[in-house]
Amino acid sequence: MATETDQSAPPLSRVIVMNQKLLEPLTVERVEIRRITIAAGHSTGLHIHNGPVFGTIESGSALYQIEGEEPTLLGPGDVFYEPQDVRIATFEPVGESDVVFFGFFPLGADQHAELIIPEA
């Protein structure tokens, strides 16, 4: 016997949460996925990645800002994109909790994900 919940919920749902055009074409050999924790009260500070980074917040909240743009508050389930060779002004926990997120690093042959701290 089907319940009301069974009738109203589809067995499969696909929702696009981000469809991001890259700054330049990229040949991807592999994708490295990292689970990253930033402790409350700390920040990545100004940084640059040598390739694009996609992410989703697992827990906590973070203030995310690309240099020259308005900051964005991210919470659990939110997605973000850090373009290659673009200055990220900050990524930092908000409040008294750590922020935990998954970072997805598309990488070419023999490429390693790097976080570069530029001179101000």
Protein backbone atom coordinates (compact mmCIF):
# COMPACT_ATOMS: atom_id res chain seq x y z
CA MET A 1 0.00 0.00 0.00
CA ALA A 2 1.46 3.38 -1.03
CA THR A 3 1.53 6.17 1.50
CA GLU A 4 1.03 9.84 0.77
CA THR A 5 4.78 10.39 1.16
CA ASP A 6 5.53 7.61 -1.33
CA GLN A 7 3.22 9.18 -3.94
CA SER A 8 4.54 12.73 -3.62
CA ALA A 9 8.30 12.08 -3.44
CA PRO A 10 10.03 11.15 -6.71
CA PRO A 11 12.43 8.20 -6.45
CA LEU A 12 15.19 10.29 -8.00
CA SER A 13 15.77 14.03 -8.18
CA ARG A 14 18.52 15.87 -10.03
CA VAL A 15 19.03 19.57 -9.41
CA ILE A 16 21.81 21.67 -10.89
CA VAL A 17 23.21 23.74 -8.04
CA MET A 18 26.04 25.31 -10.06
CA ASN A 19 26.88 25.50 -13.75
CA GLN A 20 30.15 27.42 -13.81
CA LYS A 21 31.97 28.46 -16.96
CA LEU A 22 35.75 28.29 -16.49
CA LEU A 23 37.99 31.25 -17.27
CA GLU A 24 39.84 29.10 -19.82
CA PRO A 25 39.49 25.55 -21.20
CA LEU A 26 40.98 22.89 -18.97
CA THR A 27 42.17 19.37 -19.72
CA VAL A 28 41.31 17.30 -16.65
CA GLU A 29 42.98 13.99 -15.92
CA ARG A 30 41.65 13.58 -12.39
CA VAL A 31 39.69 15.37 -9.66
CA GLU A 32 41.11 15.53 -6.16
CA ILE A 33 38.48 15.90 -3.43
CA ARG A 34 39.58 17.21 -0.06
CA ARG A 35 37.65 17.55 3.17
CA ILE A 36 38.98 20.78 4.67
CA THR A 37 38.44 22.19 8.16
CA ILE A 38 39.23 25.77 9.12
CA ALA A 39 39.14 26.38 12.86
CA ALA A 40 36.93 29.12 14.26
CA GLY A 41 38.86 32.36 14.58
CA HIS A 42 41.19 31.55 11.68
CA SER A 43 41.20 32.50 7.99
CA THR A 44 42.87 31.45 4.79
CA GLY A 45 43.70 35.10 4.22
CA LEU A 46 44.60 36.33 0.76
CA HIS A 47 45.42 33.41 -1.54
CA ILE A 48 45.42 32.15 -5.13
CA HIS A 49 44.92 28.64 -6.53
CA ASN A 50 46.86 27.29 -9.53
CA GLY A 51 43.65 25.74 -10.88
CA PRO A 52 39.92 26.18 -10.38
CA VAL A 53 38.40 24.96 -7.12
CA PHE A 54 34.79 24.05 -6.51
CA GLY A 55 33.43 23.49 -3.04
CA THR A 56 30.43 22.78 -0.88
CA ILE A 57 29.99 23.56 2.80
CA GLU A 58 29.39 20.52 4.99
CA SER A 59 29.06 22.25 8.37
CA GLY A 60 29.51 25.65 9.91
CA SER A 61 29.39 28.96 8.06
CA ALA A 62 32.05 30.86 6.17
CA LEU A 63 32.59 34.33 4.80
CA TYR A 64 33.94 33.99 1.26
CA GLN A 65 35.23 36.88 -0.82
CA ILE A 66 36.97 37.22 -4.15
CA GLU A 67 39.14 40.34 -4.05
CA GLY A 68 37.20 43.37 -5.29
CA GLU A 69 33.80 41.67 -4.95
CA GLU A 70 31.20 41.67 -2.20
CA PRO A 71 31.63 38.98 0.48
CA THR A 72 29.24 36.03 0.50
CA LEU A 73 28.04 34.14 3.56
CA LEU A 74 28.05 30.38 2.93
CA GLY A 75 26.30 27.75 5.03
CA PRO A 76 25.75 23.99 4.92
CA GLY A 77 24.85 22.82 1.42
CA ASP A 78 26.00 26.04 -0.28
CA VAL A 79 28.43 25.75 -3.19
CA PHE A 80 31.24 28.08 -4.26
CA TYR A 81 33.82 28.49 -7.01
CA GLU A 82 37.36 29.86 -6.70
CA PRO A 83 38.68 30.67 -10.19
CA GLN A 84 42.24 29.80 -11.19
CA ASP A 85 44.81 32.58 -10.69
CA VAL A 86 42.27 34.93 -9.06
CA ARG A 87 42.95 36.53 -5.70
CA ILE A 88 40.66 35.19 -3.00
CA ALA A 89 40.52 37.86 -0.31
CA THR A 90 39.28 35.57 2.43
CA PHE A 91 37.58 32.33 3.36
CA GLU A 92 36.93 32.26 7.08
CA PRO A 93 34.57 30.68 9.62
CA VAL A 94 31.78 32.84 10.96
CA GLY A 95 30.89 32.50 14.62
CA GLU A 96 32.38 30.12 17.14
CA SER A 97 32.26 26.93 15.05
CA ASP A 98 34.80 25.52 12.63
CA VAL A 99 33.80 25.42 8.98
CA VAL A 100 34.11 22.08 7.18
CA PHE A 101 33.85 21.89 3.43
CA PHE A 102 34.67 19.66 0.49
CA GLY A 103 37.03 21.15 -2.10
CA PHE A 104 37.02 19.66 -5.61
CA PHE A 105 40.26 20.26 -7.52
CA PRO A 106 40.18 19.38 -11.26
CA LEU A 107 43.81 18.59 -12.15
CA GLY A 108 45.73 18.02 -15.36
CA ALA A 109 48.46 15.46 -15.92
CA ASP A 110 51.26 15.84 -13.34
CA GLN A 111 49.51 18.87 -11.79
CA HIS A 112 49.22 19.24 -8.02
CA ALA A 113 46.77 21.59 -6.32
CA GLU A 114 48.64 24.53 -4.87
CA LEU A 115 47.59 27.36 -2.57
CA ILE A 116 49.74 30.41 -3.27
CA ILE A 117 50.07 33.22 -0.73
CA PRO A 118 50.78 36.36 -2.79
CA GLU A 119 52.66 39.36 -1.56
CA ALA A 120 50.14 42.05 -0.70
